[in-house]
Protein backbone atom coordinates (compact mmCIF):
# COMPACT_ATOMS: atom_id res chain seq x y z
CA MET A 1 13.69 32.69 -18.64
CA THR A 2 15.31 30.66 -15.89
CA ARG A 3 13.57 28.00 -13.89
CA GLY A 4 13.52 30.25 -10.81
CA HIS A 5 11.86 33.05 -12.79
CA PHE A 6 9.30 30.66 -14.19
CA ARG A 7 8.29 29.56 -10.69
CA LEU A 8 7.51 33.10 -9.66
CA LEU A 9 5.94 34.50 -12.79
CA THR A 10 3.65 31.67 -13.88
CA GLY A 11 1.53 31.49 -10.76
CA LEU A 12 1.33 30.34 -7.20
CA VAL A 13 3.62 27.47 -6.27
CA PHE A 14 2.34 25.54 -3.29
CA LEU A 15 5.52 25.13 -1.32
CA LEU A 16 4.26 22.76 1.30
CA CYS A 17 1.20 20.61 1.66
CA PHE A 18 -1.87 21.83 3.48
CA SER A 19 -0.94 19.79 6.52
CA GLN A 20 1.62 22.45 7.39
CA VAL A 21 -1.17 24.96 7.90
CA HIS A 22 -3.10 24.58 11.11
CA ALA A 23 -6.27 22.59 10.48
CA GLY A 24 -8.46 25.34 11.91
CA ASN A 25 -7.10 27.80 9.33
CA THR A 26 -7.23 25.63 6.20
CA ASP A 27 -10.31 27.46 4.93
CA ALA A 28 -8.58 30.83 5.32
CA PHE A 29 -5.50 29.51 3.52
CA GLU A 30 -7.58 28.16 0.64
CA ALA A 31 -9.54 31.42 0.42
CA ALA A 32 -6.30 33.41 0.21
CA ASN A 33 -5.01 31.05 -2.48
CA ARG A 34 -8.19 31.55 -4.52
CA LEU A 35 -7.75 35.32 -4.33
CA TYR A 36 -4.23 34.92 -5.68
CA GLU A 37 -5.34 32.62 -8.51
CA GLN A 38 -8.02 35.17 -9.47
CA GLY A 39 -5.38 37.88 -9.78
CA ARG A 40 -6.66 39.80 -6.74
CA TYR A 41 -3.18 40.15 -5.35
CA ARG A 42 -3.70 42.97 -2.86
CA GLU A 43 -6.65 41.14 -1.34
CA ALA A 44 -4.53 37.98 -1.19
CA VAL A 45 -1.80 39.95 0.61
CA ALA A 46 -4.37 41.10 3.17
CA ALA A 47 -5.69 37.55 3.62
CA TYR A 48 -2.25 35.98 4.13
CA SER A 49 -1.20 38.86 6.40
CA ASN A 50 -4.29 38.31 8.52
CA MET A 51 -3.32 34.65 8.94
CA VAL A 52 0.13 35.68 10.16
CA ALA A 53 -1.36 38.28 12.51
CA THR A 54 -3.64 35.63 14.06
CA GLY A 55 -0.75 33.25 14.70
CA THR A 56 -0.91 30.99 11.64
CA VAL A 57 2.82 30.98 10.92
CA SER A 58 4.37 28.51 8.50
CA ALA A 59 6.78 28.49 5.59
CA ALA A 60 3.84 27.88 3.22
CA VAL A 61 1.91 30.94 4.41
CA TYR A 62 4.95 33.22 4.28
CA PHE A 63 5.97 31.87 0.87
CA ASN A 64 2.54 32.51 -0.63
CA LEU A 65 2.44 35.92 1.07
CA GLY A 66 5.75 36.74 -0.62
CA ASN A 67 4.37 35.69 -4.01
CA ALA A 68 1.25 37.82 -3.54
CA CYS A 69 3.31 40.83 -2.43
CA PHE A 70 5.58 40.47 -5.45
CA LYS A 71 2.63 40.33 -7.83
CA ALA A 72 1.14 43.38 -6.09
CA GLY A 73 4.36 45.32 -6.72
CA GLN A 74 5.40 45.33 -3.05
CA LEU A 75 9.02 44.23 -3.41
CA GLY A 76 10.11 45.05 0.13
CA ARG A 77 7.22 43.18 1.72
CA ALA A 78 7.85 40.24 -0.64
CA ILE A 79 11.51 40.04 0.39
CA ALA A 80 10.56 40.22 4.07
CA ALA A 81 8.00 37.41 3.64
CA TYR A 82 10.46 35.20 1.75
CA ARG A 83 13.04 35.74 4.48
CA HIS A 84 10.53 34.66 7.11
CA ALA A 85 9.76 31.57 5.01
CA GLN A 86 13.45 30.80 4.58
CA ALA A 87 14.02 30.99 8.34
CA LEU A 88 11.42 28.22 8.74
CA ALA A 89 12.52 26.14 5.72
CA PRO A 90 16.13 27.18 5.03
CA ARG A 91 16.94 24.53 2.41
CA ASP A 92 13.84 24.88 0.25
CA PRO A 93 14.92 25.65 -3.35
CA ASP A 94 11.68 27.45 -4.29
CA ILE A 95 12.01 29.92 -1.42
CA ARG A 96 15.67 30.54 -2.26
CA ALA A 97 14.91 31.03 -5.98
CA ASN A 98 12.06 33.48 -5.38
CA LEU A 99 14.00 35.42 -2.75
CA GLU A 100 16.94 35.80 -5.13
CA PHE A 101 14.61 36.85 -7.95
CA ALA A 102 12.88 39.46 -5.76
CA ARG A 103 16.26 40.80 -4.63
CA LYS A 104 17.36 41.09 -8.25
CA ALA A 105 14.17 42.98 -9.09
CA ALA A 106 14.79 45.35 -6.17
CA SER A 107 18.49 45.97 -6.82
CA GLY A 108 18.56 45.64 -10.61
CA ARG A 109 21.48 43.21 -10.52
CA GLU A 110 22.04 39.48 -10.19
CA GLU A 111 22.29 38.27 -6.62
CA THR A 112 25.15 35.98 -5.69
CA SER A 113 24.74 33.44 -2.93
CA SER A 114 26.99 33.82 0.09
CA ALA A 115 29.27 30.92 0.93
CA GLY A 116 30.32 32.21 4.34
CA TRP A 117 29.96 30.50 7.68
CA GLN A 118 26.76 32.41 8.45
CA ASP A 119 25.16 31.04 5.30
CA TRP A 120 26.27 27.55 6.34
CA LEU A 121 24.69 27.96 9.78
CA ARG A 122 21.40 29.04 8.21
CA ARG A 123 21.11 25.75 6.35
CA LEU A 124 19.33 24.49 9.45
CA SER A 125 16.49 26.28 11.19
CA LEU A 126 16.62 27.05 14.90
CA ASN A 127 14.24 24.16 15.56
CA GLU A 128 16.45 21.78 13.59
CA TRP A 129 19.60 22.86 15.44
CA THR A 130 17.74 22.41 18.73
CA LEU A 131 16.46 18.94 17.80
CA LEU A 132 19.94 17.88 16.66
CA GLY A 133 21.43 19.09 19.93
CA CYS A 134 18.77 17.30 21.98
CA ALA A 135 19.32 14.06 20.05
CA ALA A 136 23.08 14.22 20.65
CA PHE A 137 22.59 15.04 24.34
CA TRP A 138 20.13 12.21 24.98
CA GLY A 139 22.29 9.84 22.96
CA TRP A 140 25.27 10.70 25.16
CA LEU A 141 23.18 10.39 28.33
CA GLY A 142 21.72 7.07 27.18
CA LEU A 143 25.15 5.62 26.46
CA LEU A 144 26.43 6.73 29.87
CA THR A 145 23.44 5.03 31.48
CA ILE A 146 24.14 1.80 29.61
CA LEU A 147 27.79 1.93 30.67
CA GLN A 148 26.72 2.18 34.30
CA PHE A 149 25.08 -1.23 33.98
CA ARG A 150 27.51 -2.77 31.49
CA PRO A 151 30.99 -1.40 32.23
CA ASP A 152 32.48 -4.20 30.13
CA TRP A 153 31.11 -2.41 27.04
CA ARG A 154 33.16 0.70 27.78
CA ARG A 155 35.77 -0.04 25.14
CA PHE A 156 33.14 0.00 22.40
CA LEU A 157 30.50 2.42 23.68
CA GLY A 158 32.96 4.85 25.25
CA ASN A 159 33.99 6.17 21.83
CA TRP A 160 30.37 6.62 20.81
CA ALA A 161 29.61 8.46 24.03
CA ALA A 162 32.54 10.81 23.37
CA PHE A 163 31.32 11.29 19.80
CA CYS A 164 27.79 12.21 20.96
CA LEU A 165 29.22 14.63 23.51
CA GLY A 166 31.36 16.27 20.83
CA ILE A 167 28.35 16.64 18.52
CA PHE A 168 26.29 18.11 21.36
CA LEU A 169 28.97 20.70 22.18
CA ALA A 170 29.46 21.64 18.52
CA VAL A 171 25.72 21.98 17.91
CA SER A 172 25.31 24.01 21.10
CA PHE A 173 28.03 26.37 19.87
CA CYS A 174 26.33 26.79 16.47
CA LEU A 175 22.93 27.28 18.10
CA GLY A 176 24.41 29.89 20.42
CA ILE A 177 25.82 31.83 17.46
CA GLN A 178 22.47 31.78 15.69
CA LEU A 179 20.59 32.90 18.80
CA TYR A 180 23.11 35.69 19.39
CA ASP A 181 22.74 36.82 15.77
CA LEU A 182 18.95 36.85 16.04
CA LYS A 183 19.00 38.75 19.33
CA THR A 184 21.63 41.35 18.46
CA ALA A 185 21.47 41.82 14.67
CA LYS A 186 18.47 43.34 12.93
CA THR A 187 17.67 43.99 9.29
CA ALA A 188 15.47 46.86 8.14
CA VAL A 189 13.80 46.04 4.81
CA VAL A 190 12.53 49.13 3.00
CA ILE A 191 8.84 48.59 2.19
CA SER A 192 8.05 52.00 0.71
CA GLY A 193 10.37 53.59 -1.76
CA PRO A 194 12.19 55.41 -2.97
CA VAL A 195 12.66 57.27 0.31
CA GLN A 196 15.47 59.42 1.62
CA ALA A 197 17.56 58.24 4.55
CA ARG A 198 18.48 61.33 6.54
CA LEU A 199 21.56 62.31 8.50
CA GLY A 200 19.54 62.67 11.70
CA PRO A 201 16.22 61.51 13.16
CA PHE A 202 14.38 64.64 12.05
CA GLU A 203 12.24 65.56 9.07
CA ASP A 204 14.41 68.59 8.29
CA SER A 205 17.72 66.69 8.47
CA ARG A 206 19.75 66.63 5.28
CA PRO A 207 19.41 63.58 3.00
CA ALA A 208 22.11 60.93 3.39
CA PHE A 209 21.23 58.50 0.60
CA THR A 210 18.22 57.15 -1.30
CA CYS A 211 16.61 53.84 -0.34
CA ASN A 212 14.61 51.92 -2.92
CA ASP A 213 11.77 49.52 -2.19
CA GLY A 214 13.23 46.16 -1.16
CA MET A 215 16.59 47.50 0.03
CA GLU A 216 17.96 45.49 2.98
CA LEU A 217 19.82 47.57 5.55
CA ALA A 218 21.57 46.79 8.82
CA MET A 219 19.56 48.30 11.66
CA LEU A 220 21.75 49.97 14.28
CA GLY A 221 19.31 51.56 16.69
CA VAL A 222 15.97 53.21 17.35
CA LYS A 223 15.11 56.74 18.43
CA GLY A 224 11.43 57.53 18.74
CA GLU A 225 9.78 56.99 15.36
CA TRP A 226 13.12 56.65 13.58
CA VAL A 227 15.56 53.78 13.01
CA GLU A 228 19.26 54.20 12.30
CA VAL A 229 20.45 52.10 9.36
CA ARG A 230 23.62 51.29 7.43
CA ASP A 231 23.74 50.20 3.80
CA ASN A 232 26.25 47.88 2.13
CA LEU A 233 28.43 50.90 1.26
CA GLN A 234 28.74 51.62 5.01
CA ARG A 235 26.68 54.81 4.72
CA LEU A 236 24.68 55.75 7.81
CA GLY A 237 21.23 57.28 7.84
CA TRP A 238 17.87 57.47 9.58
CA LEU A 239 14.50 56.26 8.29
CA LYS A 240 11.02 56.48 9.73
CA LYS A 241 9.70 53.21 11.13
CA ASP A 242 6.75 53.35 8.74
CA PHE A 243 9.14 52.93 5.80
CA VAL A 244 10.75 49.67 6.95
CA GLN A 245 9.94 46.21 8.22
CA VAL A 246 12.37 44.97 10.86
CA LEU A 247 13.57 41.36 10.70
CA PRO A 248 15.91 39.41 12.98
CA GLY A 249 19.40 38.61 11.72
CA GLN A 250 21.92 40.12 9.33
CA PRO A 251 20.92 41.68 5.96
């Protein structure tokens, strides 16, 4: 058994300290954790989900929600929760390990990590990209202000000002790509399976392909109570909204 498997199967791993959970909801978080430790996984899922619904959003809550969903046999909901957690803490190894393990359980094959530019961009959260851009911008502005009062320092500080400006522009470009991806790309995670994707948004439409619990599909559009999806084999189909959970970003 690998280290990643051990993390998931031997019990609840507290990803982050309690300080990450809003102080007013610490009791609810602890109560949900106790339900998990007692093996009451479906009740724990409900407790963590209630925290999310009331605005208590953190990587710790989503991570524990994913663990509870996995133990309750809800692979799709577990994958969705882990993806939410990863968006908030993109470099956390426990989240990555459990997400990969849940994906393997859903697909029946080993997941390989992407090394593309999108994966590189996701190494920082949106908040981290924003903070980095703000730091570079204010650094550039501060250096320009200093140079207004000490023009004799231009030879030394001018290069640093140009460097800060370059960092700000590069970070702004990366942040823009991430925001565009989140606004335009959607993933539909199957949370009830197996279900049939159909060739049209109607109950009597012919089946297109079968979707298992935990399958991650590109969402292309919405029509009434149906969503149009595409799988990794480029097959198109329609699923009822009740069968999927929609997440921002690419599958």
